[in-house]
């Protein structure tokens, strides 16, 4: 799906996002930045928490968020952003849900979390209003 790659490329160009991917709700990869992926085992609890499944949120609280093989401390499920947010030192992650997709992304040292969230939410809102 070549069209989806443009969204990822634009996120990376902002410099607020280090790595990102778009996956379908079923865990299929639509687009990704080089060297970044989210395994089915990583996707399932994140998507479950986004769907408001209590057991999935409890799993993340107990074991943290895993994304691209990295482990982040679970911070919260944000119902306003429709996102799961995590942090590890000076870096962090987000899984943001749309009608048909999940945007996974990581920021690294030197990036303000607010700048990172703004860029992810911009793409998330665009996809939501476009029916995706």
N, C-alpha and C. Protein backbone atom coordinates (compact mmCIF):
# COMPACT_ATOMS: atom_id res chain seq x y z
N UNK A 1 0.84 -1.19 0.00
CA UNK A 1 0.00 0.00 0.00
C UNK A 1 0.88 1.24 0.00
N UNK A 2 1.35 1.61 -1.16
CA UNK A 2 2.30 2.70 -1.29
C UNK A 2 1.77 4.02 -0.74
N UNK A 3 0.47 4.27 -0.86
CA UNK A 3 -0.10 5.53 -0.38
C UNK A 3 0.06 5.74 1.12
N UNK A 4 0.03 4.66 1.89
CA UNK A 4 0.16 4.76 3.34
C UNK A 4 1.57 5.18 3.75
N UNK A 5 2.55 4.82 2.95
CA UNK A 5 3.94 5.14 3.29
C UNK A 5 4.16 6.65 3.39
N UNK A 6 3.43 7.43 2.62
CA UNK A 6 3.56 8.89 2.66
C UNK A 6 3.24 9.46 4.04
N UNK A 7 2.27 8.88 4.72
CA UNK A 7 1.94 9.34 6.07
C UNK A 7 3.11 9.12 7.03
N UNK A 8 3.72 7.95 6.92
CA UNK A 8 4.86 7.63 7.77
C UNK A 8 6.03 8.55 7.45
N UNK A 9 6.32 8.72 6.17
CA UNK A 9 7.43 9.58 5.76
C UNK A 9 7.24 11.01 6.27
N UNK A 10 6.00 11.50 6.20
CA UNK A 10 5.73 12.86 6.70
C UNK A 10 5.91 12.96 8.20
N UNK A 11 5.52 11.93 8.94
CA UNK A 11 5.74 11.93 10.39
C UNK A 11 7.22 11.99 10.72
N UNK A 12 8.02 11.20 10.02
CA UNK A 12 9.46 11.15 10.29
C UNK A 12 10.12 12.49 9.93
N UNK A 13 9.65 13.14 8.87
CA UNK A 13 10.20 14.43 8.45
C UNK A 13 10.01 15.52 9.49
N UNK A 14 9.01 15.37 10.36
CA UNK A 14 8.76 16.40 11.38
C UNK A 14 9.87 16.47 12.42
N UNK A 15 10.69 15.41 12.52
CA UNK A 15 11.74 15.27 13.52
C UNK A 15 11.20 15.05 14.94
N UNK A 16 9.88 15.14 15.11
CA UNK A 16 9.29 14.86 16.42
C UNK A 16 9.05 13.36 16.59
N UNK A 17 9.03 12.63 15.48
CA UNK A 17 8.76 11.20 15.49
C UNK A 17 10.00 10.48 14.97
N UNK A 18 10.53 9.55 15.77
CA UNK A 18 11.72 8.82 15.36
C UNK A 18 11.37 7.63 14.47
N UNK A 19 10.32 6.90 14.85
CA UNK A 19 9.90 5.70 14.11
C UNK A 19 8.39 5.61 14.19
N UNK A 20 7.79 5.10 13.11
CA UNK A 20 6.33 5.00 13.10
C UNK A 20 5.88 3.92 12.13
N UNK A 21 4.65 3.47 12.34
CA UNK A 21 4.03 2.49 11.46
C UNK A 21 2.52 2.65 11.52
N UNK A 22 1.87 2.22 10.46
CA UNK A 22 0.41 2.14 10.44
C UNK A 22 0.05 0.69 10.20
N UNK A 23 -0.80 0.17 11.08
CA UNK A 23 -1.27 -1.21 10.99
C UNK A 23 -2.79 -1.21 10.94
N UNK A 24 -3.35 -2.22 10.32
CA UNK A 24 -4.79 -2.41 10.37
C UNK A 24 -5.19 -2.95 11.73
N UNK A 25 -6.47 -2.87 12.02
CA UNK A 25 -6.95 -3.41 13.30
C UNK A 25 -6.62 -4.88 13.45
N UNK A 26 -6.51 -5.60 12.34
CA UNK A 26 -6.20 -7.03 12.39
C UNK A 26 -4.72 -7.32 12.62
N UNK A 27 -3.90 -6.27 12.73
CA UNK A 27 -2.47 -6.45 12.97
C UNK A 27 -1.64 -6.50 11.70
N UNK A 28 -2.26 -6.32 10.53
CA UNK A 28 -1.51 -6.31 9.27
C UNK A 28 -0.80 -4.97 9.10
N UNK A 29 0.42 -5.02 8.64
CA UNK A 29 1.23 -3.81 8.46
C UNK A 29 0.85 -3.12 7.15
N UNK A 30 0.52 -1.82 7.23
CA UNK A 30 0.19 -1.05 6.03
C UNK A 30 1.40 -0.25 5.56
N UNK A 31 2.16 0.29 6.50
CA UNK A 31 3.35 1.08 6.16
C UNK A 31 4.20 1.21 7.42
N UNK A 32 5.51 1.41 7.22
CA UNK A 32 6.40 1.53 8.38
C UNK A 32 7.67 2.27 8.00
N UNK A 33 8.30 2.86 9.00
CA UNK A 33 9.63 3.44 8.79
C UNK A 33 10.65 2.31 8.84
N UNK A 34 11.81 2.49 8.22
CA UNK A 34 12.81 1.42 8.17
C UNK A 34 13.19 0.90 9.56
N UNK A 35 13.24 -0.42 9.68
CA UNK A 35 13.67 -1.03 10.93
C UNK A 35 12.67 -0.98 12.06
N UNK A 36 11.41 -0.69 11.77
CA UNK A 36 10.40 -0.58 12.81
C UNK A 36 9.22 -1.49 12.48
N UNK A 37 8.81 -2.25 13.46
CA UNK A 37 7.62 -3.08 13.29
C UNK A 37 6.98 -3.33 14.65
N UNK A 38 5.77 -3.80 14.61
CA UNK A 38 5.04 -4.18 15.81
C UNK A 38 4.55 -5.61 15.55
N UNK A 39 5.02 -6.53 16.36
CA UNK A 39 4.63 -7.93 16.17
C UNK A 39 3.17 -8.13 16.58
N UNK A 40 2.61 -9.25 16.15
CA UNK A 40 1.23 -9.58 16.55
C UNK A 40 1.11 -9.65 18.07
N UNK A 41 2.14 -10.20 18.74
CA UNK A 41 2.12 -10.30 20.19
C UNK A 41 2.16 -8.91 20.85
N UNK A 42 2.80 -7.95 20.21
CA UNK A 42 2.84 -6.58 20.73
C UNK A 42 1.54 -5.85 20.40
N UNK A 43 0.98 -6.11 19.22
CA UNK A 43 -0.24 -5.44 18.76
C UNK A 43 -1.45 -5.82 19.60
N UNK A 44 -1.60 -7.09 19.92
CA UNK A 44 -2.82 -7.57 20.56
C UNK A 44 -3.17 -6.86 21.87
N UNK A 45 -2.27 -6.74 22.84
CA UNK A 45 -2.67 -6.05 24.07
C UNK A 45 -2.88 -4.55 23.87
N UNK A 46 -2.12 -3.95 22.96
CA UNK A 46 -2.31 -2.52 22.69
C UNK A 46 -3.67 -2.27 22.06
N UNK A 47 -4.01 -3.06 21.07
CA UNK A 47 -5.31 -2.91 20.42
C UNK A 47 -6.45 -3.25 21.38
N UNK A 48 -6.24 -4.26 22.21
CA UNK A 48 -7.24 -4.60 23.21
C UNK A 48 -7.50 -3.44 24.16
N UNK A 49 -6.45 -2.77 24.59
CA UNK A 49 -6.61 -1.61 25.48
C UNK A 49 -7.32 -0.47 24.76
N UNK A 50 -7.03 -0.30 23.47
CA UNK A 50 -7.71 0.74 22.69
C UNK A 50 -9.19 0.44 22.52
N UNK A 51 -9.53 -0.85 22.51
CA UNK A 51 -10.94 -1.27 22.42
C UNK A 51 -11.60 -1.29 23.79
N UNK A 52 -10.89 -0.86 24.81
CA UNK A 52 -11.40 -0.77 26.19
C UNK A 52 -11.62 -2.13 26.83
N UNK A 53 -10.80 -3.12 26.44
CA UNK A 53 -10.86 -4.42 27.09
C UNK A 53 -10.06 -4.34 28.37
N UNK A 54 -10.71 -4.51 29.50
CA UNK A 54 -10.07 -4.36 30.80
C UNK A 54 -8.86 -5.26 31.01
N UNK A 55 -8.95 -6.51 30.53
CA UNK A 55 -7.83 -7.43 30.73
C UNK A 55 -6.59 -6.97 29.96
N UNK A 56 -6.78 -6.36 28.79
CA UNK A 56 -5.64 -5.88 28.00
C UNK A 56 -4.95 -4.72 28.72
N UNK A 57 -5.73 -3.82 29.28
CA UNK A 57 -5.14 -2.70 30.02
C UNK A 57 -4.39 -3.22 31.24
N UNK A 58 -4.95 -4.19 31.92
CA UNK A 58 -4.28 -4.78 33.08
C UNK A 58 -2.96 -5.44 32.67
N UNK A 59 -2.94 -6.08 31.51
CA UNK A 59 -1.71 -6.70 30.99
C UNK A 59 -0.64 -5.64 30.76
N UNK A 60 -1.03 -4.51 30.19
CA UNK A 60 -0.08 -3.42 29.94
C UNK A 60 0.40 -2.80 31.25
N UNK A 61 -0.50 -2.65 32.21
CA UNK A 61 -0.12 -2.10 33.51
C UNK A 61 0.91 -3.00 34.19
N UNK A 62 0.72 -4.29 34.09
CA UNK A 62 1.61 -5.24 34.76
C UNK A 62 2.93 -5.45 34.02
N UNK A 63 2.87 -5.52 32.69
CA UNK A 63 4.06 -5.88 31.91
C UNK A 63 4.65 -4.79 31.05
N UNK A 64 3.99 -3.65 31.00
CA UNK A 64 4.48 -2.56 30.18
C UNK A 64 4.04 -2.69 28.73
N UNK A 65 4.39 -1.69 27.95
CA UNK A 65 4.09 -1.66 26.52
C UNK A 65 5.30 -2.18 25.78
N UNK A 66 5.07 -3.05 24.85
CA UNK A 66 6.17 -3.54 24.01
C UNK A 66 5.88 -3.11 22.58
N UNK A 67 6.89 -2.47 21.97
CA UNK A 67 6.76 -1.98 20.62
C UNK A 67 8.13 -2.07 19.95
N UNK A 68 8.22 -2.72 18.81
CA UNK A 68 9.48 -2.90 18.10
C UNK A 68 10.53 -3.58 18.98
N UNK A 69 10.07 -4.46 19.84
CA UNK A 69 10.98 -5.19 20.72
C UNK A 69 11.45 -4.40 21.92
N UNK A 70 11.07 -3.13 22.03
CA UNK A 70 11.44 -2.30 23.18
C UNK A 70 10.31 -2.33 24.21
N UNK A 71 10.67 -2.19 25.46
CA UNK A 71 9.68 -2.16 26.53
C UNK A 71 9.58 -0.74 27.08
N UNK A 72 8.36 -0.24 27.18
CA UNK A 72 8.06 1.09 27.72
C UNK A 72 7.16 0.93 28.94
N UNK A 73 7.28 1.84 29.88
CA UNK A 73 6.39 1.85 31.03
C UNK A 73 5.02 2.35 30.56
N UNK A 74 3.99 1.63 30.92
CA UNK A 74 2.62 2.03 30.59
C UNK A 74 2.26 3.26 31.41
N UNK A 75 1.83 4.32 30.74
CA UNK A 75 1.37 5.52 31.45
C UNK A 75 -0.15 5.57 31.54
N UNK A 76 -0.82 5.43 30.38
CA UNK A 76 -2.28 5.52 30.43
C UNK A 76 -2.90 5.16 29.10
N UNK A 77 -4.19 4.85 29.18
CA UNK A 77 -5.04 4.81 28.01
C UNK A 77 -5.78 6.15 28.04
N UNK A 78 -5.57 6.97 27.02
CA UNK A 78 -6.17 8.30 26.96
C UNK A 78 -7.44 8.24 26.12
N UNK A 79 -8.62 8.33 26.75
CA UNK A 79 -9.87 8.22 25.99
C UNK A 79 -10.12 9.41 25.06
N UNK A 80 -9.56 10.57 25.38
CA UNK A 80 -9.73 11.74 24.52
C UNK A 80 -8.93 11.57 23.23
N UNK A 81 -7.68 11.14 23.37
CA UNK A 81 -6.82 10.92 22.20
C UNK A 81 -7.10 9.58 21.52
N UNK A 82 -7.83 8.70 22.20
CA UNK A 82 -8.05 7.33 21.72
C UNK A 82 -6.69 6.68 21.49
N UNK A 83 -5.86 6.72 22.55
CA UNK A 83 -4.47 6.28 22.42
C UNK A 83 -3.97 5.64 23.71
N UNK A 84 -2.97 4.77 23.55
CA UNK A 84 -2.22 4.20 24.66
C UNK A 84 -0.86 4.87 24.64
N UNK A 85 -0.41 5.35 25.81
CA UNK A 85 0.82 6.13 25.89
C UNK A 85 1.79 5.47 26.87
N UNK A 86 3.06 5.45 26.47
CA UNK A 86 4.11 4.88 27.31
C UNK A 86 5.36 5.72 27.29
N UNK A 87 6.26 5.40 28.22
CA UNK A 87 7.50 6.18 28.33
C UNK A 87 8.64 5.28 28.81
N UNK A 88 9.84 5.64 28.38
CA UNK A 88 11.05 4.95 28.83
C UNK A 88 12.17 5.98 28.82
N UNK A 89 12.55 6.46 29.99
CA UNK A 89 13.58 7.49 30.08
C UNK A 89 13.18 8.74 29.34
N UNK A 90 14.01 9.16 28.38
CA UNK A 90 13.72 10.36 27.59
C UNK A 90 13.01 10.04 26.28
N UNK A 91 12.49 8.83 26.15
CA UNK A 91 11.76 8.47 24.94
C UNK A 91 10.38 7.97 25.33
N UNK A 92 9.53 7.83 24.34
CA UNK A 92 8.18 7.38 24.63
C UNK A 92 7.52 6.80 23.40
N UNK A 93 6.31 6.29 23.61
CA UNK A 93 5.59 5.65 22.51
C UNK A 93 4.11 5.95 22.60
N UNK A 94 3.45 5.71 21.47
CA UNK A 94 2.00 5.88 21.42
C UNK A 94 1.43 4.87 20.44
N UNK A 95 0.24 4.41 20.74
CA UNK A 95 -0.57 3.63 19.82
C UNK A 95 -1.89 4.38 19.73
N UNK A 96 -2.17 4.98 18.57
CA UNK A 96 -3.35 5.82 18.40
C UNK A 96 -4.30 5.17 17.40
N UNK A 97 -5.56 4.98 17.79
CA UNK A 97 -6.54 4.26 17.00
C UNK A 97 -7.35 5.18 16.11
N UNK A 98 -7.64 4.69 14.89
CA UNK A 98 -8.60 5.33 14.00
C UNK A 98 -9.69 4.30 13.71
N UNK A 99 -10.59 4.60 12.80
CA UNK A 99 -11.69 3.68 12.50
C UNK A 99 -11.21 2.33 11.97
N UNK A 100 -10.11 2.33 11.19
CA UNK A 100 -9.64 1.09 10.58
C UNK A 100 -8.17 0.78 10.87
N UNK A 101 -7.47 1.71 11.49
CA UNK A 101 -6.02 1.54 11.64
C UNK A 101 -5.55 1.90 13.04
N UNK A 102 -4.28 1.56 13.29
CA UNK A 102 -3.59 1.97 14.52
C UNK A 102 -2.26 2.58 14.08
N UNK A 103 -1.96 3.76 14.57
CA UNK A 103 -0.68 4.41 14.32
C UNK A 103 0.20 4.10 15.52
N UNK A 104 1.33 3.46 15.26
CA UNK A 104 2.31 3.18 16.30
C UNK A 104 3.50 4.11 16.06
N UNK A 105 3.99 4.72 17.12
CA UNK A 105 5.13 5.63 16.93
C UNK A 105 5.96 5.73 18.21
N UNK A 106 7.23 6.11 18.00
CA UNK A 106 8.19 6.29 19.09
C UNK A 106 8.89 7.63 18.89
N UNK A 107 9.09 8.34 20.00
CA UNK A 107 9.97 9.52 19.97
C UNK A 107 11.18 9.21 20.82
N UNK A 108 12.26 9.93 20.53
CA UNK A 108 13.52 9.67 21.24
C UNK A 108 14.02 10.95 21.90
N UNK A 109 15.17 10.83 22.57
CA UNK A 109 15.78 11.92 23.34
C UNK A 109 15.71 13.25 22.61
N UNK A 110 15.42 14.31 23.36
CA UNK A 110 15.43 15.66 22.83
C UNK A 110 14.10 16.12 22.26
N UNK A 111 13.13 15.25 22.17
CA UNK A 111 11.82 15.62 21.62
C UNK A 111 10.84 15.84 22.78
N UNK A 112 10.09 16.91 22.68
CA UNK A 112 9.07 17.18 23.69
C UNK A 112 7.86 16.27 23.43
N UNK A 113 7.37 15.59 24.46
CA UNK A 113 6.22 14.71 24.26
C UNK A 113 5.02 15.42 23.64
N UNK A 114 4.81 16.67 23.98
CA UNK A 114 3.70 17.43 23.40
C UNK A 114 3.83 17.61 21.90
N UNK A 115 5.05 17.86 21.42
CA UNK A 115 5.28 17.98 19.99
C UNK A 115 5.02 16.65 19.28
N UNK A 116 5.48 15.58 19.90
CA UNK A 116 5.26 14.23 19.37
C UNK A 116 3.77 13.93 19.28
N UNK A 117 3.04 14.13 20.38
CA UNK A 117 1.61 13.85 20.40
C UNK A 117 0.86 14.67 19.37
N UNK A 118 1.26 15.93 19.19
CA UNK A 118 0.61 16.82 18.21
C UNK A 118 0.71 16.24 16.80
N UNK A 119 1.88 15.74 16.44
CA UNK A 119 2.07 15.18 15.10
C UNK A 119 1.27 13.90 14.91
N UNK A 120 1.26 13.04 15.91
CA UNK A 120 0.50 11.80 15.81
C UNK A 120 -0.99 12.11 15.72
N UNK A 121 -1.46 13.02 16.55
CA UNK A 121 -2.89 13.37 16.56
C UNK A 121 -3.32 14.03 15.25
N UNK A 122 -2.42 14.75 14.62
CA UNK A 122 -2.73 15.40 13.33
C UNK A 122 -3.04 14.32 12.29
N UNK A 123 -2.18 13.31 12.20
CA UNK A 123 -2.39 12.22 11.24
C UNK A 123 -3.61 11.39 11.65
N UNK A 124 -3.73 11.12 12.93
CA UNK A 124 -4.86 10.34 13.43
C UNK A 124 -6.18 11.02 13.06
N UNK A 125 -6.29 12.30 13.30
CA UNK A 125 -7.52 13.03 13.01
C UNK A 125 -7.82 13.05 11.51
N UNK A 126 -6.77 13.23 10.70
CA UNK A 126 -6.96 13.21 9.25
C UNK A 126 -7.50 11.86 8.80
N UNK A 127 -6.92 10.78 9.29
CA UNK A 127 -7.39 9.45 8.91
C UNK A 127 -8.82 9.21 9.39
N UNK A 128 -9.14 9.67 10.59
CA UNK A 128 -10.50 9.50 11.11
C UNK A 128 -11.51 10.24 10.23
N UNK A 129 -11.21 11.47 9.88
CA UNK A 129 -12.15 12.25 9.07
C UNK A 129 -12.24 11.73 7.64
N UNK A 130 -11.23 10.96 7.22
CA UNK A 130 -11.25 10.36 5.88
C UNK A 130 -11.88 8.96 5.89
N UNK A 131 -12.36 8.55 7.03
CA UNK A 131 -13.03 7.25 7.13
C UNK A 131 -12.12 6.08 7.42
N UNK A 132 -10.85 6.37 7.65
CA UNK A 132 -9.89 5.31 7.96
C UNK A 132 -9.62 5.28 9.44
